[in-house]
Amino acid sequence: MGSQVELWLDSGIRSGQDVLKAIALGARGTMIGRPHLYGLGAFGGAGVTRCLEILAKELDVSMAFCGHTDIRAVGRDILHPDSIPH
């Protein structure tokens, strides 16, 4: 699709690692549904906030493991070659 289409992933995002993989595969961004609803159900608004904090921390740690500090620098090079769909 290249730069002709802006791709957003809206399914299956459960962790910061999922966000990182989606970005590495070319998504412009991701949406989360279930994780923040779990937080809401368990702890109300504070649970949603905590859920987002956890996702952000997981993303930061995952990027650091891959040698990145800026999400804009993430590309397919962080993925194992056998895991990339053809």
N, C-alpha and C. Protein backbone atom coordinates (compact mmCIF):
# COMPACT_ATOMS: atom_id res chain seq x y z
N MET A 1 0.82 -1.19 0.00
CA MET A 1 0.00 0.00 0.00
C MET A 1 0.86 1.25 0.00
N GLY A 2 2.06 1.14 0.55
CA GLY A 2 2.96 2.29 0.56
C GLY A 2 2.37 3.45 1.32
N SER A 3 2.57 4.64 0.79
CA SER A 3 2.07 5.83 1.46
C SER A 3 0.72 6.28 0.91
N GLN A 4 0.12 5.49 0.05
CA GLN A 4 -1.16 5.86 -0.55
C GLN A 4 -2.34 5.66 0.39
N VAL A 5 -2.19 4.76 1.35
CA VAL A 5 -3.27 4.44 2.27
C VAL A 5 -2.75 4.52 3.70
N GLU A 6 -3.53 5.14 4.56
CA GLU A 6 -3.18 5.17 5.98
C GLU A 6 -3.85 3.99 6.66
N LEU A 7 -3.05 3.12 7.26
CA LEU A 7 -3.54 1.89 7.85
C LEU A 7 -3.57 2.00 9.37
N TRP A 8 -4.71 1.68 9.96
CA TRP A 8 -4.87 1.63 11.41
C TRP A 8 -5.34 0.22 11.78
N LEU A 9 -4.76 -0.35 12.81
CA LEU A 9 -5.14 -1.69 13.24
C LEU A 9 -6.14 -1.58 14.39
N ASP A 10 -7.24 -2.28 14.26
CA ASP A 10 -8.31 -2.16 15.25
C ASP A 10 -8.80 -3.53 15.70
N SER A 11 -7.90 -4.42 16.00
CA SER A 11 -8.33 -5.72 16.48
C SER A 11 -7.14 -6.46 17.09
N GLY A 12 -7.36 -7.05 18.22
CA GLY A 12 -6.34 -7.91 18.81
C GLY A 12 -5.23 -7.21 19.56
N ILE A 13 -5.34 -5.91 19.78
CA ILE A 13 -4.30 -5.20 20.52
C ILE A 13 -4.54 -5.41 22.01
N ARG A 14 -3.62 -6.11 22.64
CA ARG A 14 -3.76 -6.41 24.07
C ARG A 14 -2.56 -5.93 24.88
N SER A 15 -1.48 -5.52 24.19
CA SER A 15 -0.26 -5.15 24.92
C SER A 15 0.54 -4.14 24.12
N GLY A 16 1.53 -3.57 24.78
CA GLY A 16 2.45 -2.67 24.09
C GLY A 16 3.22 -3.39 23.00
N GLN A 17 3.48 -4.67 23.20
CA GLN A 17 4.17 -5.46 22.18
C GLN A 17 3.32 -5.56 20.91
N ASP A 18 2.01 -5.70 21.08
CA ASP A 18 1.11 -5.75 19.92
C ASP A 18 1.14 -4.43 19.16
N VAL A 19 1.17 -3.33 19.89
CA VAL A 19 1.25 -2.01 19.25
C VAL A 19 2.54 -1.91 18.45
N LEU A 20 3.65 -2.33 19.04
CA LEU A 20 4.95 -2.26 18.37
C LEU A 20 4.96 -3.09 17.09
N LYS A 21 4.42 -4.29 17.16
CA LYS A 21 4.38 -5.15 15.97
C LYS A 21 3.53 -4.52 14.87
N ALA A 22 2.40 -3.94 15.24
CA ALA A 22 1.53 -3.31 14.24
C ALA A 22 2.24 -2.15 13.55
N ILE A 23 2.93 -1.34 14.33
CA ILE A 23 3.67 -0.21 13.77
C ILE A 23 4.79 -0.72 12.86
N ALA A 24 5.49 -1.76 13.31
CA ALA A 24 6.58 -2.33 12.51
C ALA A 24 6.08 -2.88 11.18
N LEU A 25 4.85 -3.36 11.16
CA LEU A 25 4.27 -3.90 9.93
C LEU A 25 3.66 -2.83 9.03
N GLY A 26 3.72 -1.57 9.48
CA GLY A 26 3.28 -0.48 8.63
C GLY A 26 2.03 0.26 9.05
N ALA A 27 1.43 -0.11 10.18
CA ALA A 27 0.25 0.61 10.64
C ALA A 27 0.64 2.01 11.09
N ARG A 28 -0.22 2.96 10.83
CA ARG A 28 -0.01 4.33 11.29
C ARG A 28 -0.28 4.42 12.79
N GLY A 29 -1.18 3.59 13.26
CA GLY A 29 -1.54 3.57 14.67
C GLY A 29 -2.44 2.38 14.96
N THR A 30 -2.81 2.26 16.23
CA THR A 30 -3.69 1.17 16.64
C THR A 30 -4.79 1.72 17.52
N MET A 31 -5.83 0.94 17.63
CA MET A 31 -6.92 1.26 18.55
C MET A 31 -7.02 0.12 19.54
N ILE A 32 -7.45 0.45 20.72
CA ILE A 32 -7.63 -0.61 21.72
C ILE A 32 -9.09 -0.60 22.15
N GLY A 33 -9.61 -1.76 22.35
CA GLY A 33 -11.00 -1.87 22.78
C GLY A 33 -11.08 -2.54 24.13
N ARG A 34 -10.76 -3.80 24.14
CA ARG A 34 -10.91 -4.59 25.35
C ARG A 34 -10.05 -4.15 26.53
N PRO A 35 -8.77 -3.90 26.35
CA PRO A 35 -7.96 -3.59 27.53
C PRO A 35 -8.50 -2.43 28.37
N HIS A 36 -8.89 -1.35 27.72
CA HIS A 36 -9.37 -0.23 28.54
C HIS A 36 -10.75 -0.52 29.13
N LEU A 37 -11.52 -1.39 28.47
CA LEU A 37 -12.81 -1.77 29.06
C LEU A 37 -12.63 -2.64 30.29
N TYR A 38 -11.60 -3.49 30.27
CA TYR A 38 -11.28 -4.27 31.47
C TYR A 38 -10.93 -3.33 32.62
N GLY A 39 -10.11 -2.34 32.33
CA GLY A 39 -9.74 -1.36 33.36
C GLY A 39 -10.95 -0.60 33.88
N LEU A 40 -11.83 -0.21 32.96
CA LEU A 40 -13.04 0.51 33.35
C LEU A 40 -13.92 -0.35 34.24
N GLY A 41 -14.10 -1.61 33.86
CA GLY A 41 -14.95 -2.51 34.64
C GLY A 41 -14.39 -2.78 36.02
N ALA A 42 -13.07 -2.85 36.12
CA ALA A 42 -12.46 -3.19 37.39
C ALA A 42 -12.31 -1.99 38.32
N PHE A 43 -11.93 -0.83 37.77
CA PHE A 43 -11.59 0.30 38.63
C PHE A 43 -12.13 1.64 38.15
N GLY A 44 -13.10 1.62 37.25
CA GLY A 44 -13.67 2.88 36.75
C GLY A 44 -12.66 3.67 35.93
N GLY A 45 -12.80 4.98 35.97
CA GLY A 45 -11.93 5.86 35.20
C GLY A 45 -10.46 5.68 35.54
N ALA A 46 -10.17 5.44 36.80
CA ALA A 46 -8.77 5.22 37.21
C ALA A 46 -8.22 3.95 36.56
N GLY A 47 -9.07 2.97 36.34
CA GLY A 47 -8.64 1.74 35.69
C GLY A 47 -8.28 1.96 34.23
N VAL A 48 -9.03 2.83 33.55
CA VAL A 48 -8.72 3.17 32.16
C VAL A 48 -7.37 3.86 32.10
N THR A 49 -7.17 4.82 33.00
CA THR A 49 -5.89 5.53 33.05
C THR A 49 -4.75 4.56 33.29
N ARG A 50 -4.92 3.66 34.25
CA ARG A 50 -3.87 2.69 34.56
C ARG A 50 -3.60 1.76 33.38
N CYS A 51 -4.63 1.34 32.70
CA CYS A 51 -4.47 0.50 31.52
C CYS A 51 -3.62 1.20 30.47
N LEU A 52 -3.90 2.46 30.20
CA LEU A 52 -3.13 3.21 29.21
C LEU A 52 -1.68 3.40 29.66
N GLU A 53 -1.48 3.60 30.95
CA GLU A 53 -0.11 3.71 31.48
C GLU A 53 0.66 2.41 31.27
N ILE A 54 -0.01 1.28 31.53
CA ILE A 54 0.64 -0.02 31.35
C ILE A 54 0.99 -0.26 29.89
N LEU A 55 0.05 0.03 28.99
CA LEU A 55 0.32 -0.14 27.55
C LEU A 55 1.49 0.73 27.11
N ALA A 56 1.53 1.97 27.58
CA ALA A 56 2.62 2.88 27.21
C ALA A 56 3.96 2.37 27.73
N LYS A 57 3.97 1.88 28.97
CA LYS A 57 5.21 1.34 29.55
C LYS A 57 5.67 0.10 28.79
N GLU A 58 4.74 -0.79 28.48
CA GLU A 58 5.09 -1.99 27.70
C GLU A 58 5.67 -1.61 26.35
N LEU A 59 5.08 -0.60 25.72
CA LEU A 59 5.58 -0.15 24.42
C LEU A 59 6.99 0.43 24.56
N ASP A 60 7.20 1.26 25.58
CA ASP A 60 8.54 1.83 25.81
C ASP A 60 9.59 0.75 26.04
N VAL A 61 9.26 -0.23 26.87
CA VAL A 61 10.21 -1.32 27.18
C VAL A 61 10.48 -2.15 25.92
N SER A 62 9.43 -2.47 25.18
CA SER A 62 9.59 -3.27 23.96
C SER A 62 10.44 -2.54 22.94
N MET A 63 10.23 -1.24 22.79
CA MET A 63 11.05 -0.46 21.85
C MET A 63 12.50 -0.45 22.31
N ALA A 64 12.72 -0.31 23.62
CA ALA A 64 14.09 -0.30 24.15
C ALA A 64 14.79 -1.62 23.86
N PHE A 65 14.07 -2.73 24.02
CA PHE A 65 14.66 -4.04 23.71
C PHE A 65 15.08 -4.12 22.24
N CYS A 66 14.39 -3.37 21.40
CA CYS A 66 14.70 -3.36 19.96
C CYS A 66 15.68 -2.25 19.58
N GLY A 67 16.11 -1.49 20.57
CA GLY A 67 17.08 -0.42 20.31
C GLY A 67 16.48 0.88 19.83
N HIS A 68 15.20 1.09 20.09
CA HIS A 68 14.53 2.31 19.64
C HIS A 68 13.97 3.10 20.83
N THR A 69 13.99 4.42 20.69
CA THR A 69 13.35 5.29 21.67
C THR A 69 12.25 6.13 21.03
N ASP A 70 12.16 6.08 19.70
CA ASP A 70 11.18 6.87 18.96
C ASP A 70 10.35 5.94 18.08
N ILE A 71 9.06 5.93 18.29
CA ILE A 71 8.16 5.03 17.54
C ILE A 71 8.23 5.31 16.04
N ARG A 72 8.56 6.54 15.66
CA ARG A 72 8.64 6.88 14.23
C ARG A 72 9.81 6.20 13.54
N ALA A 73 10.77 5.71 14.31
CA ALA A 73 11.95 5.04 13.74
C ALA A 73 11.76 3.53 13.61
N VAL A 74 10.65 3.01 14.11
CA VAL A 74 10.42 1.57 14.10
C VAL A 74 10.02 1.11 12.70
N GLY A 75 10.65 0.03 12.25
CA GLY A 75 10.34 -0.53 10.94
C GLY A 75 10.36 -2.05 10.99
N ARG A 76 10.20 -2.67 9.85
CA ARG A 76 10.15 -4.13 9.76
C ARG A 76 11.43 -4.80 10.24
N ASP A 77 12.51 -4.05 10.29
CA ASP A 77 13.79 -4.64 10.69
C ASP A 77 13.77 -5.21 12.11
N ILE A 78 12.81 -4.82 12.93
CA ILE A 78 12.76 -5.35 14.30
C ILE A 78 12.08 -6.71 14.37
N LEU A 79 11.42 -7.12 13.28
CA LEU A 79 10.67 -8.37 13.28
C LEU A 79 11.53 -9.53 12.81
N HIS A 80 11.25 -10.70 13.32
CA HIS A 80 11.91 -11.91 12.83
C HIS A 80 11.43 -12.16 11.41
N PRO A 81 12.35 -12.41 10.47
CA PRO A 81 11.95 -12.55 9.06
C PRO A 81 10.83 -13.58 8.82
N ASP A 82 10.81 -14.66 9.57
CA ASP A 82 9.78 -15.68 9.37
C ASP A 82 8.41 -15.26 9.88
N SER A 83 8.34 -14.16 10.63
CA SER A 83 7.06 -13.73 11.19
C SER A 83 6.34 -12.72 10.31
N ILE A 84 6.99 -12.26 9.24
CA ILE A 84 6.40 -11.25 8.38
C ILE A 84 5.53 -11.92 7.32
N PRO A 85 4.24 -11.55 7.25
CA PRO A 85 3.37 -12.14 6.23
C PRO A 85 3.82 -11.73 4.83
N HIS A 86 3.68 -12.64 3.89
CA HIS A 86 4.09 -12.36 2.51
C HIS A 86 2.88 -12.21 1.63
